[in-house]
Amino acid sequence: MVKQMTAEQKADLVSIGSVCIEPGISIGDATTTATAGPGAGGTSVFVRSGARRVRLAVNPASPLTMVSKEGQVALILNGRIVAEGCLERPLCHCPRQAYITVSERCIFDCKFCPVPKIQGGIKEIPAVLRMVRDAAAAGELEAISLTSGVAESPSRGAKRMVSVVKALAREYDLPIGVSIYPAWRSTEDLYAAGATEMKYNVETMDPALFSTICPGLSLDVVIQALTEAVRCFGKGRVCSNVIIGLGEDDACVKDGVDSLAQKGVIPILRPVSVSPLRKGTIVMNRPSAERLLRLATMEREILDRYGLRADRAKTMCLPCTGCDITPHRDV
């Protein structure tokens, strides 16, 4: 009988973040390739065990190995089984969601993100609709999530996303989450178009660190946009990535989580992924399992204090949980 993954086991896996897949394992359509964020360009698999899910980048050099066991899979580290579960098929990027990157290029140069180095394509509305229809055909689609790099300017990117959301809202009665860099009226326009949840990423709540890792962007602009988004979408329907492993200390993370939660925003504590395209650009250290659990437990206490529930989110990263230790789901 397969044992269900514990929070401690998941934290071990997330701290590693990758897996070597033993030859002979049939993974079929269980892989996905990221097109946005720090993991862009990499191939990953999702492993589900009980109520928990983890996403692991496929890497032949990983210390973690995936082997077949009793029709499912086991994850082995240093000769011992860390966790057991089943491979979970992603629809678009993650299970049960069509999570689509509209623009795979960006004019900004955030030092942890490989997207500016890859400079991929831009999906027009027909392509997005086709991807969602393909995902819906599987019969498991529960939400639509959209993200985007800034291809030309924040305002043009926001207008493009508004058009995409309008087209999707006309065709699907599903929650739609959107993650972009803020622009003038982007919050109001996306809400009017049919978006139900909003995400603007602070990346870090340390102003000095932000200016180093996100040149050309404004932390104040993002925080103001988050405040406006809560007024528009409602408390608990707005979230923001806070990357862990860029040199911040726990006190900074705690203060940042408290500040965001006080505004009605749910922070997502995202372990940094070191892309080969960004290696050596800045100091990036993936957090330990102990730190991930400690910070997630701290965040849950703060969310509880402000009456926020991470497990009520319908779109994007909070219901997926694959990359993070998520309050109210994992701890």
Protein backbone atom coordinates (compact mmCIF):
# COMPACT_ATOMS: atom_id res chain seq x y z
CA MET A 1 0.00 0.00 0.00
CA VAL A 2 1.36 3.43 -1.02
CA LYS A 3 1.96 5.74 1.94
CA GLN A 4 0.61 9.26 1.67
CA MET A 5 3.18 12.05 1.47
CA THR A 6 3.65 14.07 4.65
CA ALA A 7 4.36 17.81 4.80
CA GLU A 8 7.93 17.02 5.87
CA GLN A 9 8.43 14.67 2.92
CA LYS A 10 7.05 17.24 0.50
CA ALA A 11 9.36 19.90 1.93
CA ASP A 12 12.33 17.57 1.31
CA LEU A 13 11.23 17.17 -2.32
CA VAL A 14 10.56 20.87 -2.90
CA SER A 15 13.94 21.79 -1.43
CA ILE A 16 15.58 19.56 -4.06
CA GLY A 17 13.19 20.64 -6.81
CA SER A 18 14.29 18.09 -9.41
CA VAL A 19 14.30 14.38 -10.17
CA CYS A 20 16.18 11.88 -12.32
CA ILE A 21 13.73 9.48 -13.95
CA GLU A 22 14.90 5.88 -14.07
CA PRO A 23 15.07 4.46 -17.62
CA GLY A 24 12.08 2.32 -18.43
CA ILE A 25 9.48 4.41 -16.59
CA SER A 26 6.71 5.33 -19.00
CA ILE A 27 5.82 8.96 -18.34
CA GLY A 28 3.78 9.42 -21.54
CA ASP A 29 1.95 12.76 -21.42
CA ALA A 30 2.87 13.42 -17.79
CA THR A 31 5.56 16.00 -18.59
CA THR A 32 5.13 19.74 -19.01
CA THR A 33 7.49 22.50 -20.15
CA ALA A 34 7.35 25.85 -18.36
CA THR A 35 7.19 29.02 -20.47
CA ALA A 36 7.13 31.64 -17.70
CA GLY A 37 8.97 32.51 -14.52
CA PRO A 38 12.25 31.15 -13.11
CA GLY A 39 11.57 27.63 -14.39
CA ALA A 40 10.95 28.68 -18.00
CA GLY A 41 12.34 26.26 -20.55
CA GLY A 42 12.54 23.30 -18.19
CA THR A 43 10.57 20.04 -18.32
CA SER A 44 8.78 18.86 -15.19
CA VAL A 45 6.54 16.12 -13.81
CA PHE A 46 3.86 16.23 -11.11
CA VAL A 47 3.65 13.57 -8.43
CA ARG A 48 0.45 13.23 -6.40
CA SER A 49 0.38 11.45 -3.05
CA GLY A 50 -2.75 11.62 -0.93
CA ALA A 51 -3.79 15.27 -0.62
CA ARG A 52 -0.37 16.61 -1.61
CA ARG A 53 1.20 17.35 -4.99
CA VAL A 54 4.76 18.25 -5.94
CA ARG A 55 6.28 19.43 -9.22
CA LEU A 56 9.83 18.28 -9.96
CA ALA A 57 12.06 19.42 -12.80
CA VAL A 58 13.44 16.54 -14.84
CA ASN A 59 17.22 16.55 -14.41
CA PRO A 60 19.50 13.54 -14.99
CA ALA A 61 21.97 15.00 -12.48
CA SER A 62 19.42 15.28 -9.65
CA PRO A 63 20.21 13.47 -6.38
CA LEU A 64 16.56 12.37 -6.32
CA THR A 65 15.56 9.36 -8.44
CA MET A 66 12.11 8.26 -9.57
CA VAL A 67 11.53 4.51 -9.86
CA SER A 68 8.49 2.38 -10.59
CA LYS A 69 6.79 0.74 -7.61
CA GLU A 70 3.60 -1.33 -7.64
CA GLY A 71 2.17 0.50 -10.64
CA GLN A 72 3.01 3.91 -9.22
CA VAL A 73 6.29 5.70 -8.49
CA ALA A 74 8.69 6.05 -5.59
CA LEU A 75 11.14 8.90 -5.06
CA ILE A 76 14.51 7.76 -3.70
CA LEU A 77 17.24 9.85 -2.07
CA ASN A 78 20.48 8.34 -0.75
CA GLY A 79 19.08 4.84 -1.04
CA ARG A 80 15.85 5.45 0.89
CA ILE A 81 12.31 6.13 -0.28
CA VAL A 82 11.40 9.75 0.44
CA ALA A 83 7.84 9.56 -0.89
CA GLU A 84 5.49 7.46 -3.01
CA GLY A 85 2.65 8.43 -5.29
CA CYS A 86 1.40 8.57 -8.86
CA LEU A 87 2.31 10.67 -11.84
CA GLU A 88 -0.37 13.28 -12.47
CA ARG A 89 -1.11 14.48 -15.98
CA PRO A 90 -0.95 18.26 -16.51
CA LEU A 91 -3.59 19.81 -18.79
CA CYS A 92 -1.73 23.01 -19.64
CA HIS A 93 1.31 23.42 -17.39
CA CYS A 94 -0.40 21.99 -14.29
CA PRO A 95 -3.12 19.49 -13.36
CA ARG A 96 -6.80 20.51 -13.57
CA GLN A 97 -6.00 23.96 -14.98
CA ALA A 98 -5.29 25.52 -18.32
CA TYR A 99 -2.34 27.64 -17.15
CA ILE A 100 -1.19 29.55 -20.23
CA THR A 101 1.63 32.03 -20.84
CA VAL A 102 0.32 34.60 -23.31
CA SER A 103 3.66 36.33 -23.91
CA GLU A 104 6.79 34.21 -23.58
CA ARG A 105 9.04 37.26 -23.94
CA CYS A 106 9.82 40.22 -21.70
CA ILE A 107 11.52 43.60 -22.08
CA PHE A 108 12.54 43.64 -18.41
CA ASP A 109 15.58 41.84 -17.02
CA CYS A 110 14.71 40.34 -13.64
CA LYS A 111 17.92 38.56 -12.67
CA PHE A 112 16.31 35.29 -11.55
CA CYS A 113 14.14 34.88 -14.66
CA PRO A 114 15.25 33.19 -17.92
CA VAL A 115 12.34 34.52 -19.99
CA PRO A 116 14.26 37.61 -21.26
CA LYS A 117 17.02 35.25 -22.43
CA ILE A 118 14.61 32.88 -24.20
CA GLN A 119 12.39 35.51 -25.86
CA GLY A 120 9.67 33.14 -27.04
CA GLY A 121 6.49 33.85 -28.92
CA ILE A 122 3.19 35.60 -28.24
CA LYS A 123 -0.05 33.61 -28.33
CA GLU A 124 -2.96 35.23 -30.09
CA ILE A 125 -6.55 34.66 -28.96
CA PRO A 126 -7.29 31.73 -31.35
CA ALA A 127 -4.25 29.85 -30.03
CA VAL A 128 -5.26 30.42 -26.40
CA LEU A 129 -8.84 29.29 -27.11
CA ARG A 130 -7.53 26.16 -28.82
CA MET A 131 -5.32 25.30 -25.84
CA VAL A 132 -8.21 25.72 -23.40
CA ARG A 133 -10.52 23.62 -25.59
CA ASP A 134 -7.93 20.85 -25.69
CA ALA A 135 -7.62 21.01 -21.91
CA ALA A 136 -11.40 20.99 -21.47
CA ALA A 137 -11.70 17.91 -23.67
CA ALA A 138 -9.93 15.90 -20.96
CA GLY A 139 -12.93 16.42 -18.67
CA GLU A 140 -10.80 17.60 -15.72
CA LEU A 141 -10.62 21.34 -16.33
CA GLU A 142 -11.50 23.35 -13.21
CA ALA A 143 -9.92 26.75 -13.88
CA ILE A 144 -8.17 28.95 -16.42
CA SER A 145 -4.99 30.78 -15.42
CA LEU A 146 -3.11 33.29 -17.55
CA THR A 147 0.31 34.81 -17.10
CA SER A 148 2.52 36.91 -19.33
CA GLY A 149 5.86 38.57 -19.72
CA VAL A 150 5.94 42.22 -20.80
CA ALA A 151 6.48 41.94 -24.54
CA GLU A 152 6.32 45.66 -25.46
CA SER A 153 5.05 47.67 -22.48
CA PRO A 154 2.92 47.03 -19.38
CA SER A 155 -0.04 48.90 -20.89
CA ARG A 156 0.00 46.98 -24.18
CA GLY A 157 0.41 43.72 -22.30
CA ALA A 158 -2.56 44.52 -20.08
CA LYS A 159 -4.73 45.40 -23.07
CA ARG A 160 -3.79 42.13 -24.78
CA MET A 161 -4.68 40.19 -21.62
CA VAL A 162 -8.05 41.98 -21.32
CA SER A 163 -8.91 40.82 -24.84
CA VAL A 164 -7.91 37.24 -24.03
CA VAL A 165 -9.97 37.22 -20.82
CA LYS A 166 -13.04 38.59 -22.62
CA ALA A 167 -12.81 35.85 -25.24
CA LEU A 168 -12.46 33.12 -22.62
CA ALA A 169 -15.23 34.49 -20.37
CA ARG A 170 -17.65 34.40 -23.31
CA GLU A 171 -16.96 30.70 -23.86
CA TYR A 172 -16.33 29.24 -20.39
CA ASP A 173 -18.11 29.45 -17.07
CA LEU A 174 -14.91 28.85 -15.11
CA PRO A 175 -12.81 30.93 -12.71
CA ILE A 176 -10.14 32.90 -14.55
CA GLY A 177 -6.95 34.03 -12.80
CA VAL A 178 -4.51 36.55 -14.28
CA SER A 179 -0.88 37.35 -13.46
CA ILE A 180 0.79 40.32 -15.17
CA TYR A 181 2.90 43.36 -14.34
CA PRO A 182 0.48 46.17 -13.44
CA ALA A 183 -0.48 48.96 -15.78
CA TRP A 184 -2.87 51.90 -15.55
CA ARG A 185 -6.41 50.54 -15.09
CA SER A 186 -5.24 46.94 -15.58
CA THR A 187 -7.04 45.79 -12.42
CA GLU A 188 -10.38 47.41 -13.24
CA ASP A 189 -10.26 46.40 -16.89
CA LEU A 190 -9.39 42.76 -16.17
CA TYR A 191 -12.13 42.51 -13.56
CA ALA A 192 -14.67 43.97 -16.00
CA ALA A 193 -13.46 41.54 -18.68
CA GLY A 194 -14.32 38.53 -16.48
CA ALA A 195 -11.21 37.73 -14.42
CA THR A 196 -12.04 36.38 -10.96
CA GLU A 197 -8.63 36.38 -9.27
CA MET A 198 -5.57 38.60 -9.68
CA LYS A 199 -1.84 38.20 -9.14
CA TYR A 200 0.83 40.90 -9.16
CA ASN A 201 4.24 39.61 -8.07
CA VAL A 202 6.36 41.57 -5.60
CA GLU A 203 9.16 38.96 -5.98
CA THR A 204 10.71 40.28 -2.73
CA MET A 205 9.53 42.72 -0.08
CA ASP A 206 13.09 43.94 0.52
CA PRO A 207 13.29 47.27 -1.41
CA ALA A 208 17.08 47.19 -1.78
CA LEU A 209 17.02 43.60 -3.00
CA PHE A 210 14.14 44.35 -5.37
CA SER A 211 16.06 47.20 -7.03
CA THR A 212 18.97 44.82 -7.64
CA ILE A 213 17.05 41.82 -8.98
CA CYS A 214 14.29 43.68 -10.87
CA PRO A 215 15.91 46.74 -12.49
CA GLY A 216 13.43 48.97 -14.26
CA LEU A 217 10.47 47.76 -12.19
CA SER A 218 8.89 49.41 -9.15
CA LEU A 219 8.04 47.60 -5.93
CA ASP A 220 5.85 50.54 -4.90
CA VAL A 221 3.85 50.24 -8.13
CA VAL A 222 3.27 46.53 -7.53
CA ILE A 223 2.21 47.03 -3.91
CA GLN A 224 -0.17 49.83 -4.88
CA ALA A 225 -1.63 47.60 -7.62
CA LEU A 226 -2.15 44.80 -5.10
CA THR A 227 -4.00 47.19 -2.79
CA GLU A 228 -6.24 48.30 -5.66
CA ALA A 229 -6.78 44.67 -6.71
CA VAL A 230 -8.11 43.75 -3.26
CA ARG A 231 -10.57 46.65 -3.45
CA CYS A 232 -11.73 45.39 -6.84
CA PHE A 233 -11.58 41.58 -6.57
CA GLY A 234 -12.02 41.23 -2.82
CA LYS A 235 -9.98 40.06 0.15
CA GLY A 236 -8.30 36.70 -0.45
CA ARG A 237 -8.79 36.82 -4.23
CA VAL A 238 -5.44 38.48 -4.82
CA CYS A 239 -2.04 36.83 -4.46
CA SER A 240 1.63 37.62 -5.01
CA ASN A 241 4.83 35.61 -5.41
CA VAL A 242 7.55 36.21 -2.83
CA ILE A 243 10.69 34.40 -3.96
CA ILE A 244 12.68 32.64 -1.26
CA GLY A 245 16.42 32.19 -1.74
CA LEU A 246 17.56 35.55 -3.09
CA GLY A 247 19.44 36.59 0.05
CA GLU A 248 16.51 37.75 2.18
CA ASP A 249 16.32 36.79 5.85
CA ASP A 250 13.34 35.28 7.64
CA ALA A 251 12.53 38.53 9.44
CA CYS A 252 12.14 40.28 6.08
CA VAL A 253 9.90 37.48 4.82
CA LYS A 254 7.75 37.62 7.95
CA ASP A 255 7.35 41.39 7.77
CA GLY A 256 6.52 41.14 4.07
CA VAL A 257 3.95 38.41 4.57
CA ASP A 258 2.32 40.40 7.37
CA SER A 259 2.24 43.57 5.28
CA LEU A 260 0.65 41.82 2.29
CA ALA A 261 -1.83 39.80 4.36
CA GLN A 262 -2.91 42.94 6.21
CA LYS A 263 -3.91 44.32 2.80
CA GLY A 264 -5.92 41.17 2.00
CA VAL A 265 -3.26 39.67 -0.29
CA ILE A 266 -2.17 36.01 0.00
CA PRO A 267 1.61 35.69 -0.45
CA ILE A 268 3.01 32.65 -2.26
CA LEU A 269 6.42 31.75 -0.85
CA ARG A 270 8.15 30.44 -3.96
CA PRO A 271 11.54 28.67 -3.69
CA VAL A 272 13.93 30.17 -6.21
CA SER A 273 14.75 28.04 -9.25
CA VAL A 274 18.25 28.59 -10.60
CA SER A 275 18.00 28.51 -14.39
CA PRO A 276 21.18 27.61 -16.31
CA LEU A 277 20.56 30.81 -18.29
CA ARG A 278 20.82 32.84 -15.09
CA LYS A 279 23.43 30.91 -13.15
CA GLY A 280 26.01 33.29 -11.68
CA THR A 281 23.95 36.43 -12.37
CA ILE A 282 23.07 36.91 -8.71
CA VAL A 283 23.36 34.81 -5.57
CA MET A 284 20.49 32.31 -5.54
CA ASN A 285 20.22 29.48 -3.02
CA ARG A 286 17.27 27.11 -2.95
CA PRO A 287 15.87 27.06 0.60
CA SER A 288 16.18 24.02 2.83
CA ALA A 289 13.23 21.83 3.75
CA GLU A 290 13.39 23.12 7.31
CA ARG A 291 13.20 26.74 6.17
CA LEU A 292 10.32 26.03 3.80
CA LEU A 293 8.29 24.42 6.58
CA ARG A 294 9.16 27.14 9.06
CA LEU A 295 8.14 29.94 6.71
CA ALA A 296 4.95 28.19 5.56
CA THR A 297 3.89 27.61 9.16
CA MET A 298 4.63 31.25 9.96
CA GLU A 299 2.57 32.35 6.97
CA ARG A 300 -0.40 30.23 7.98
CA GLU A 301 -0.42 31.84 11.42
CA ILE A 302 -0.43 35.30 9.82
CA LEU A 303 -3.13 34.41 7.29
CA ASP A 304 -5.30 33.04 10.10
CA ARG A 305 -4.84 36.27 12.02
CA TYR A 306 -6.19 38.30 9.09
CA GLY A 307 -8.95 35.86 8.15
CA LEU A 308 -7.39 34.70 4.87
CA ARG A 309 -7.56 31.13 3.51
CA ALA A 310 -5.08 29.97 0.88
CA ASP A 311 -7.19 26.85 0.21
CA ARG A 312 -10.12 28.91 -1.09
CA ALA A 313 -8.25 30.18 -4.15
CA LYS A 314 -9.53 28.72 -7.41
CA THR A 315 -6.80 29.63 -9.93
CA MET A 316 -3.06 29.80 -10.50
CA CYS A 317 -0.51 28.57 -7.95
CA LEU A 318 -2.47 28.34 -4.71
CA PRO A 319 -4.74 25.42 -5.75
CA CYS A 320 -1.94 23.73 -7.70
CA THR A 321 0.56 23.67 -4.77
CA GLY A 322 3.15 21.82 -6.86
CA CYS A 323 6.03 24.27 -6.41
CA ASP A 324 5.50 25.42 -2.83
CA ILE A 325 4.60 24.46 0.72
CA THR A 326 1.12 25.99 0.76
CA PRO A 327 -0.65 27.09 3.95
CA HIS A 328 -4.02 25.43 4.66
CA ARG A 329 -3.17 22.70 2.14
CA ASP A 330 0.27 21.39 3.10
CA VAL A 331 0.57 22.86 6.61
